[in-house]
């Protein structure tokens, strides 16, 4: 079984609200996998298997 590589820092995952490093954003646990990176034994598609999504903070 081939292991998927985590996304590169500049790539966005489907659940990200903005690219990494965008002002007014921060890391949050993925709502689909609760930060585990997997759903039903498979890589979480929402976060790309990282368990983290980029979200706006402070009303951004």
PDB file of N, CA and C in Angstrom:
ATOM      1  N   UNK A   1       0.841  -1.176   0.000  1.00  0.00           N
ATOM      2  CA  UNK A   1       0.000   0.000   0.000  1.00  0.00           C
ATOM      3  C   UNK A   1       0.888   1.241   0.000  1.00  0.00           C
ATOM      4  N   UNK A   2       0.670   2.130  -0.916  1.00  0.00           N
ATOM      5  CA  UNK A   2       1.466   3.336  -1.039  1.00  0.00           C
ATOM      6  C   UNK A   2       0.923   4.406  -0.094  1.00  0.00           C
ATOM      7  N   UNK A   3       1.823   5.051   0.631  1.00  0.00           N
ATOM      8  CA  UNK A   3       1.434   6.100   1.570  1.00  0.00           C
ATOM      9  C   UNK A   3       1.393   7.432   0.844  1.00  0.00           C
ATOM     10  N   UNK A   4       0.315   8.170   1.032  1.00  0.00           N
ATOM     11  CA  UNK A   4       0.181   9.478   0.390  1.00  0.00           C
ATOM     12  C   UNK A   4       1.090  10.484   1.086  1.00  0.00           C
ATOM     13  N   UNK A   5       1.701  11.343   0.295  1.00  0.00           N
ATOM     14  CA  UNK A   5       2.543  12.387   0.860  1.00  0.00           C
ATOM     15  C   UNK A   5       1.674  13.537   1.318  1.00  0.00           C
ATOM     16  N   UNK A   6       2.039  14.204   2.419  1.00  0.00           N
ATOM     17  CA  UNK A   6       1.274  15.364   2.849  1.00  0.00           C
ATOM     18  C   UNK A   6       1.400  16.479   1.820  1.00  0.00           C
ATOM     19  N   UNK A   7       0.414  17.358   1.743  1.00  0.00           N
ATOM     20  CA  UNK A   7       0.477  18.425   0.752  1.00  0.00           C
ATOM     21  C   UNK A   7       1.630  19.383   1.034  1.00  0.00           C
ATOM     22  N   UNK A   8       2.140  20.010  -0.017  1.00  0.00           N
ATOM     23  CA  UNK A   8       3.190  20.998   0.147  1.00  0.00           C
ATOM     24  C   UNK A   8       2.598  22.222   0.833  1.00  0.00           C
ATOM     25  N   UNK A   9       3.446  22.997   1.482  1.00  0.00           N
ATOM     26  CA  UNK A   9       3.007  24.123   2.289  1.00  0.00           C
ATOM     27  C   UNK A   9       2.159  25.117   1.501  1.00  0.00           C
ATOM     28  N   UNK A  10       2.410  25.311   0.208  1.00  0.00           N
ATOM     29  CA  UNK A  10       1.677  26.297  -0.573  1.00  0.00           C
ATOM     30  C   UNK A  10       0.363  25.764  -1.131  1.00  0.00           C
ATOM     31  N   UNK A  11       0.134  24.463  -1.039  1.00  0.00           N
ATOM     32  CA  UNK A  11      -1.079  23.873  -1.581  1.00  0.00           C
ATOM     33  C   UNK A  11      -2.222  23.972  -0.580  1.00  0.00           C
ATOM     34  N   UNK A  12      -3.426  24.188  -1.104  1.00  0.00           N
ATOM     35  CA  UNK A  12      -4.607  24.234  -0.252  1.00  0.00           C
ATOM     36  C   UNK A  12      -5.335  22.902  -0.322  1.00  0.00           C
ATOM     37  N   UNK A  13      -5.949  22.526   0.788  1.00  0.00           N
ATOM     38  CA  UNK A  13      -6.812  21.357   0.840  1.00  0.00           C
ATOM     39  C   UNK A  13      -8.255  21.826   0.707  1.00  0.00           C
ATOM     40  N   UNK A  14      -9.173  20.924   0.367  1.00  0.00           N
ATOM     41  CA  UNK A  14     -10.566  21.319   0.173  1.00  0.00           C
ATOM     42  C   UNK A  14     -11.200  22.061   1.352  1.00  0.00           C
ATOM     43  N   UNK A  15     -10.833  21.743   2.581  1.00  0.00           N
ATOM     44  CA  UNK A  15     -11.443  22.389   3.746  1.00  0.00           C
ATOM     45  C   UNK A  15     -10.756  23.695   4.148  1.00  0.00           C
ATOM     46  N   UNK A  16      -9.620  24.033   3.520  1.00  0.00           N
ATOM     47  CA  UNK A  16      -8.930  25.283   3.842  1.00  0.00           C
ATOM     48  C   UNK A  16      -9.737  26.477   3.344  1.00  0.00           C
ATOM     49  N   UNK A  17      -9.745  27.534   4.154  1.00  0.00           N
ATOM     50  CA  UNK A  17     -10.432  28.762   3.764  1.00  0.00           C
ATOM     51  C   UNK A  17      -9.493  29.734   3.061  1.00  0.00           C
ATOM     52  N   UNK A  18      -8.178  29.510   3.196  1.00  0.00           N
ATOM     53  CA  UNK A  18      -7.164  30.365   2.576  1.00  0.00           C
ATOM     54  C   UNK A  18      -5.854  29.591   2.499  1.00  0.00           C
ATOM     55  N   UNK A  19      -4.922  30.060   1.659  1.00  0.00           N
ATOM     56  CA  UNK A  19      -3.617  29.402   1.600  1.00  0.00           C
ATOM     57  C   UNK A  19      -2.852  29.569   2.908  1.00  0.00           C
ATOM     58  N   UNK A  20      -1.954  28.634   3.234  1.00  0.00           N
ATOM     59  CA  UNK A  20      -1.146  28.763   4.441  1.00  0.00           C
ATOM     60  C   UNK A  20      -0.367  30.079   4.444  1.00  0.00           C
ATOM     61  N   UNK A  21      -0.290  30.710   5.613  1.00  0.00           N
ATOM     62  CA  UNK A  21       0.456  31.951   5.744  1.00  0.00           C
ATOM     63  C   UNK A  21      -0.337  33.210   5.466  1.00  0.00           C
ATOM     64  N   UNK A  22      -1.598  33.077   5.084  1.00  0.00           N
ATOM     65  CA  UNK A  22      -2.428  34.238   4.801  1.00  0.00           C
ATOM     66  C   UNK A  22      -2.700  34.993   6.103  1.00  0.00           C
ATOM     67  N   UNK A  23      -2.539  36.310   6.060  1.00  0.00           N
ATOM     68  CA  UNK A  23      -2.802  37.131   7.246  1.00  0.00           C
ATOM     69  C   UNK A  23      -4.242  36.937   7.703  1.00  0.00           C
ATOM     70  N   UNK A  24      -4.446  36.878   9.017  1.00  0.00           N
ATOM     71  CA  UNK A  24      -5.790  36.728   9.574  1.00  0.00           C
ATOM     72  C   UNK A  24      -6.290  35.299   9.587  1.00  0.00           C
ATOM     73  N   UNK A  25      -5.389  34.328   9.368  1.00  0.00           N
ATOM     74  CA  UNK A  25      -5.779  32.915   9.399  1.00  0.00           C
ATOM     75  C   UNK A  25      -4.901  32.157  10.383  1.00  0.00           C
ATOM     76  N   UNK A  26      -5.342  30.959  10.713  1.00  0.00           N
ATOM     77  CA  UNK A  26      -4.566  30.105  11.594  1.00  0.00           C
ATOM     78  C   UNK A  26      -4.956  28.654  11.415  1.00  0.00           C
ATOM     79  N   UNK A  27      -4.191  27.769  12.044  1.00  0.00           N
ATOM     80  CA  UNK A  27      -4.464  26.335  11.977  1.00  0.00           C
ATOM     81  C   UNK A  27      -5.613  25.972  12.912  1.00  0.00           C
ATOM     82  N   UNK A  28      -6.429  25.030  12.473  1.00  0.00           N
ATOM     83  CA  UNK A  28      -7.525  24.516  13.285  1.00  0.00           C
ATOM     84  C   UNK A  28      -7.641  23.024  13.001  1.00  0.00           C
ATOM     85  N   UNK A  29      -8.216  22.287  13.931  1.00  0.00           N
ATOM     86  CA  UNK A  29      -8.443  20.864  13.696  1.00  0.00           C
ATOM     87  C   UNK A  29      -9.460  20.681  12.574  1.00  0.00           C
ATOM     88  N   UNK A  30      -9.202  19.708  11.741  1.00  0.00           N
ATOM     89  CA  UNK A  30     -10.115  19.404  10.641  1.00  0.00           C
ATOM     90  C   UNK A  30     -11.467  18.941  11.202  1.00  0.00           C
ATOM     91  N   UNK A  31     -12.560  19.534  10.733  1.00  0.00           N
ATOM     92  CA  UNK A  31     -13.875  19.137  11.229  1.00  0.00           C
ATOM     93  C   UNK A  31     -14.317  17.752  10.747  1.00  0.00           C
ATOM     94  N   UNK A  32     -13.716  17.259   9.679  1.00  0.00           N
ATOM     95  CA  UNK A  32     -14.104  15.961   9.138  1.00  0.00           C
ATOM     96  C   UNK A  32     -13.464  14.802   9.893  1.00  0.00           C
ATOM     97  N   UNK A  33     -12.196  14.948  10.267  1.00  0.00           N
ATOM     98  CA  UNK A  33     -11.473  13.842  10.918  1.00  0.00           C
ATOM     99  C   UNK A  33     -11.104  14.146  12.364  1.00  0.00           C
ATOM    100  N   UNK A  34     -11.491  15.294  12.861  1.00  0.00           N
ATOM    101  CA  UNK A  34     -11.193  15.724  14.238  1.00  0.00           C
ATOM    102  C   UNK A  34      -9.695  15.734  14.531  1.00  0.00           C
ATOM    103  N   UNK A  35      -8.895  16.056  13.518  1.00  0.00           N
ATOM    104  CA  UNK A  35      -7.459  16.170  13.702  1.00  0.00           C
ATOM    105  C   UNK A  35      -6.683  14.878  13.561  1.00  0.00           C
ATOM    106  N   UNK A  36      -7.358  13.780  13.259  1.00  0.00           N
ATOM    107  CA  UNK A  36      -6.682  12.483  13.144  1.00  0.00           C
ATOM    108  C   UNK A  36      -5.983  12.286  11.805  1.00  0.00           C
ATOM    109  N   UNK A  37      -6.484  12.913  10.757  1.00  0.00           N
ATOM    110  CA  UNK A  37      -5.902  12.758   9.429  1.00  0.00           C
ATOM    111  C   UNK A  37      -6.492  11.603   8.642  1.00  0.00           C
ATOM    112  N   UNK A  38      -7.319  10.787   9.301  1.00  0.00           N
ATOM    113  CA  UNK A  38      -7.950   9.657   8.609  1.00  0.00           C
ATOM    114  C   UNK A  38      -9.440   9.595   8.946  1.00  0.00           C
ATOM    115  N   UNK A  39     -10.197   9.047   8.018  1.00  0.00           N
ATOM    116  CA  UNK A  39     -11.622   8.789   8.208  1.00  0.00           C
ATOM    117  C   UNK A  39     -11.877   7.367   7.726  1.00  0.00           C
ATOM    118  N   UNK A  40     -12.371   6.527   8.615  1.00  0.00           N
ATOM    119  CA  UNK A  40     -12.634   5.118   8.286  1.00  0.00           C
ATOM    120  C   UNK A  40     -11.403   4.426   7.706  1.00  0.00           C
ATOM    121  N   UNK A  41     -10.235   4.726   8.289  1.00  0.00           N
ATOM    122  CA  UNK A  41      -9.005   4.070   7.866  1.00  0.00           C
ATOM    123  C   UNK A  41      -8.387   4.608   6.595  1.00  0.00           C
ATOM    124  N   UNK A  42      -8.941   5.657   6.036  1.00  0.00           N
ATOM    125  CA  UNK A  42      -8.410   6.254   4.807  1.00  0.00           C
ATOM    126  C   UNK A  42      -8.012   7.699   5.062  1.00  0.00           C
ATOM    127  N   UNK A  43      -7.096   8.191   4.252  1.00  0.00           N
ATOM    128  CA  UNK A  43      -6.647   9.577   4.359  1.00  0.00           C
ATOM    129  C   UNK A  43      -7.844  10.513   4.223  1.00  0.00           C
ATOM    130  N   UNK A  44      -7.941  11.466   5.131  1.00  0.00           N
ATOM    131  CA  UNK A  44      -9.031  12.434   5.093  1.00  0.00           C
ATOM    132  C   UNK A  44      -8.864  13.327   3.872  1.00  0.00           C
ATOM    133  N   UNK A  45      -9.881  13.393   3.056  1.00  0.00           N
ATOM    134  CA  UNK A  45      -9.832  14.206   1.840  1.00  0.00           C
ATOM    135  C   UNK A  45      -9.961  15.694   2.153  1.00  0.00           C
ATOM    136  N   UNK A  46     -10.635  16.043   3.234  1.00  0.00           N
ATOM    137  CA  UNK A  46     -10.859  17.452   3.566  1.00  0.00           C
ATOM    138  C   UNK A  46      -9.559  18.169   3.925  1.00  0.00           C
ATOM    139  N   UNK A  47      -8.693  17.497   4.689  1.00  0.00           N
ATOM    140  CA  UNK A  47      -7.449  18.128   5.145  1.00  0.00           C
ATOM    141  C   UNK A  47      -6.211  17.553   4.465  1.00  0.00           C
ATOM    142  N   UNK A  48      -6.387  16.601   3.585  1.00  0.00           N
ATOM    143  CA  UNK A  48      -5.252  15.987   2.904  1.00  0.00           C
ATOM    144  C   UNK A  48      -4.449  15.065   3.795  1.00  0.00           C
ATOM    145  N   UNK A  49      -5.030  14.656   4.921  1.00  0.00           N
ATOM    146  CA  UNK A  49      -4.360  13.734   5.816  1.00  0.00           C
ATOM    147  C   UNK A  49      -3.511  14.408   6.887  1.00  0.00           C
ATOM    148  N   UNK A  50      -3.528  15.735   6.942  1.00  0.00           N
ATOM    149  CA  UNK A  50      -2.727  16.444   7.934  1.00  0.00           C
ATOM    150  C   UNK A  50      -3.441  16.586   9.268  1.00  0.00           C
ATOM    151  N   UNK A  51      -4.770  16.546   9.259  1.00  0.00           N
ATOM    152  CA  UNK A  51      -5.551  16.759  10.476  1.00  0.00           C
ATOM    153  C   UNK A  51      -5.761  18.226  10.792  1.00  0.00           C
ATOM    154  N   UNK A  52      -5.210  19.101   9.956  1.00  0.00           N
ATOM    155  CA  UNK A  52      -5.276  20.542  10.188  1.00  0.00           C
ATOM    156  C   UNK A  52      -5.834  21.247   8.957  1.00  0.00           C
ATOM    157  N   UNK A  53      -6.678  22.251   9.192  1.00  0.00           N
ATOM    158  CA  UNK A  53      -7.182  23.103   8.125  1.00  0.00           C
ATOM    159  C   UNK A  53      -6.858  24.560   8.460  1.00  0.00           C
ATOM    160  N   UNK A  54      -6.804  25.406   7.447  1.00  0.00           N
ATOM    161  CA  UNK A  54      -6.541  26.823   7.619  1.00  0.00           C
ATOM    162  C   UNK A  54      -7.880  27.557   7.655  1.00  0.00           C
ATOM    163  N   UNK A  55      -8.114  28.308   8.744  1.00  0.00           N
ATOM    164  CA  UNK A  55      -9.386  29.032   8.907  1.00  0.00           C
ATOM    165  C   UNK A  55      -9.108  30.483   9.257  1.00  0.00           C
ATOM    166  N   UNK A  56     -10.082  31.330   8.950  1.00  0.00           N
ATOM    167  CA  UNK A  56     -10.004  32.723   9.356  1.00  0.00           C
ATOM    168  C   UNK A  56     -10.160  32.838  10.851  1.00  0.00           C
ATOM    169  N   UNK A  57      -9.432  33.766  11.470  1.00  0.00           N
ATOM    170  CA  UNK A  57      -9.542  34.005  12.906  1.00  0.00           C
ATOM    171  C   UNK A  57      -9.904  35.457  13.161  1.00  0.00           C
ATOM    172  N   UNK A  58     -10.567  35.699  14.247  1.00  0.00           N
ATOM    173  CA  UNK A  58     -10.903  37.075  14.623  1.00  0.00           C
ATOM    174  C   UNK A  58     -11.831  37.760  13.648  1.00  0.00           C
ATOM    175  N   UNK A  59     -12.713  36.983  13.010  1.00  0.00           N
ATOM    176  CA  UNK A  59     -13.664  37.579  12.064  1.00  0.00           C
ATOM    177  C   UNK A  59     -13.070  37.857  10.704  1.00  0.00           C
ATOM    178  N   UNK A  60     -11.877  37.353  10.435  1.00  0.00           N
ATOM    179  CA  UNK A  60     -11.234  37.590   9.142  1.00  0.00           C
ATOM    180  C   UNK A  60     -11.906  36.802   8.050  1.00  0.00           C
TER     181      UNK A  60
END
